[in-house]
Amino acid sequence: MRILLDTHCWLWAIEEPGRLNDRAVSILENEEIDAFLSAASAWEIAIKYGQGRLKLSEPPVSFIPSRLARDGYAVLPIHLAHAIEAGGLPPLHRDPFDRILVAQARIEEMTILTADPKILAYDVEAIRAA
């Protein structure tokens, strides 16, 4: 299985693992599962940090790569097909970062790990994380 973590789930896994349900923790601890963080999530984290809306123990430029390497997560880049797919999604979610995650999961045939009910409403393979 290939899992694409929603931004908040990745941050919870690092800083507040108690917010994840048992199934999510089990998935993230399973070495046979390939876990990915989207470049869109890194972008979202950097923006929120820069606006003062997200507190991290160090700036995103070092926080994100160090945690990805430590935990063995891969980065999923944003491709043209992802952007086009995101633009064509039904307007269930207005957040462009979440729309790109849905598009990426659909195109790359991944499962999204999320606690966002709006993402869970899309026609995409998803697992509720909280």
Protein backbone atom coordinates (compact mmCIF):
# COMPACT_ATOMS: atom_id res chain seq x y z
CA MET A 1 0.00 0.00 0.00
CA ARG A 2 1.12 3.54 -0.76
CA ILE A 3 -0.09 6.19 1.68
CA LEU A 4 -0.21 9.92 1.05
CA LEU A 5 -0.35 11.78 4.35
CA ASP A 6 -2.50 14.84 4.68
CA THR A 7 -0.43 17.70 6.05
CA HIS A 8 -1.99 17.64 9.50
CA CYS A 9 -1.52 13.87 9.80
CA TRP A 10 2.19 14.17 9.03
CA LEU A 11 2.57 16.92 11.62
CA TRP A 12 0.55 14.94 14.18
CA ALA A 13 2.68 11.84 13.58
CA ILE A 14 5.76 13.90 14.43
CA GLU A 15 4.55 16.23 17.16
CA GLU A 16 1.23 14.92 18.52
CA PRO A 17 0.95 11.18 17.75
CA GLY A 18 -1.83 10.82 20.33
CA ARG A 19 -4.17 12.65 17.94
CA LEU A 20 -3.97 9.75 15.44
CA ASN A 21 -6.25 6.76 15.86
CA ASP A 22 -4.87 3.25 16.36
CA ARG A 23 -5.33 2.31 12.69
CA ALA A 24 -3.35 5.34 11.52
CA VAL A 25 -0.53 4.61 13.97
CA SER A 26 -0.45 0.98 12.86
CA ILE A 27 -0.23 2.01 9.20
CA LEU A 28 2.58 4.47 9.85
CA GLU A 29 4.54 1.91 11.87
CA ASN A 30 4.18 -0.77 9.17
CA GLU A 31 7.49 -1.02 7.30
CA GLU A 32 5.77 -2.63 4.30
CA ILE A 33 3.80 0.55 3.60
CA ASP A 34 5.30 3.28 1.46
CA ALA A 35 4.47 6.65 3.04
CA PHE A 36 4.62 9.91 1.07
CA LEU A 37 4.41 13.60 1.85
CA SER A 38 3.32 15.82 -1.02
CA ALA A 39 5.41 18.80 -2.05
CA ALA A 40 2.10 20.66 -1.59
CA SER A 41 2.20 19.83 2.12
CA ALA A 42 5.73 21.20 2.41
CA TRP A 43 4.53 24.35 0.66
CA GLU A 44 1.53 24.63 3.01
CA ILE A 45 3.74 24.15 6.08
CA ALA A 46 6.22 26.80 4.90
CA ILE A 47 3.44 29.31 4.22
CA LYS A 48 1.72 28.77 7.58
CA TYR A 49 5.04 28.92 9.42
CA GLY A 50 5.94 32.16 7.63
CA GLN A 51 2.56 33.66 8.58
CA GLY A 52 3.07 32.68 12.21
CA ARG A 53 0.10 30.28 12.08
CA LEU A 54 2.22 27.16 12.64
CA LYS A 55 4.83 26.68 15.35
CA LEU A 56 7.70 24.27 14.67
CA SER A 57 10.80 23.44 16.68
CA GLU A 58 12.92 24.72 13.78
CA PRO A 59 12.28 26.46 10.43
CA PRO A 60 10.66 24.39 7.65
CA VAL A 61 13.86 24.47 5.59
CA SER A 62 15.46 22.09 8.08
CA PHE A 63 12.40 20.66 9.88
CA ILE A 64 10.76 19.09 6.82
CA PRO A 65 13.77 17.35 5.22
CA SER A 66 15.16 16.11 8.53
CA ARG A 67 11.86 14.51 9.59
CA LEU A 68 11.27 12.98 6.16
CA ALA A 69 14.73 11.41 6.23
CA ARG A 70 14.42 10.26 9.83
CA ASP A 71 11.05 8.58 9.25
CA GLY A 72 11.77 7.24 5.76
CA TYR A 73 8.96 9.10 3.98
CA ALA A 74 9.25 9.87 0.29
CA VAL A 75 8.30 13.16 -1.34
CA LEU A 76 5.57 13.22 -3.97
CA PRO A 77 6.21 16.06 -6.45
CA ILE A 78 3.39 18.04 -8.02
CA HIS A 79 3.00 17.32 -11.73
CA LEU A 80 0.94 19.05 -14.42
CA ALA A 81 -1.60 16.21 -14.42
CA HIS A 82 -2.11 16.68 -10.67
CA ALA A 83 -2.81 20.40 -11.12
CA ILE A 84 -5.29 19.77 -13.94
CA GLU A 85 -7.06 17.04 -11.96
CA ALA A 86 -7.29 19.31 -8.89
CA GLY A 87 -8.92 22.04 -10.97
CA GLY A 88 -11.54 19.62 -12.25
CA LEU A 89 -12.57 18.21 -8.87
CA PRO A 90 -16.07 18.88 -7.56
CA PRO A 91 -16.12 21.91 -5.23
CA LEU A 92 -16.40 19.88 -2.03
CA HIS A 93 -13.28 21.51 -0.63
CA ARG A 94 -12.06 25.05 -1.23
CA ASP A 95 -8.53 24.54 0.15
CA PRO A 96 -6.17 24.26 -2.84
CA PHE A 97 -3.64 22.22 -0.85
CA ASP A 98 -6.23 19.61 0.02
CA ARG A 99 -7.57 19.54 -3.54
CA ILE A 100 -4.08 18.82 -4.90
CA LEU A 101 -3.67 15.97 -2.38
CA VAL A 102 -6.93 14.42 -3.58
CA ALA A 103 -5.82 14.80 -7.19
CA GLN A 104 -2.43 13.28 -6.48
CA ALA A 105 -3.93 10.32 -4.65
CA ARG A 106 -6.38 9.67 -7.48
CA ILE A 107 -3.79 9.87 -10.26
CA GLU A 108 -1.04 8.02 -8.40
CA GLU A 109 -3.49 5.41 -7.03
CA MET A 110 -2.59 6.14 -3.43
CA THR A 111 -4.61 6.13 -0.24
CA ILE A 112 -4.88 9.40 1.68
CA LEU A 113 -4.49 9.32 5.44
CA THR A 114 -6.60 12.23 6.72
CA ALA A 115 -8.92 13.46 9.45
CA ASP A 116 -10.55 15.99 7.12
CA PRO A 117 -14.20 15.04 6.42
CA LYS A 118 -14.19 17.15 3.25
CA ILE A 119 -11.38 15.04 1.79
CA LEU A 120 -13.18 11.87 2.89
CA ALA A 121 -16.19 13.03 0.84
CA TYR A 122 -14.25 12.79 -2.44
CA ASP A 123 -14.12 9.75 -4.67
CA VAL A 124 -10.66 8.80 -3.50
CA GLU A 125 -9.25 5.92 -1.47
CA ALA A 126 -8.91 7.31 2.04
CA ILE A 127 -8.39 6.21 5.63
CA ARG A 128 -9.76 8.23 8.54
CA ALA A 129 -6.83 9.12 10.81
CA ALA A 130 -8.65 10.40 13.89
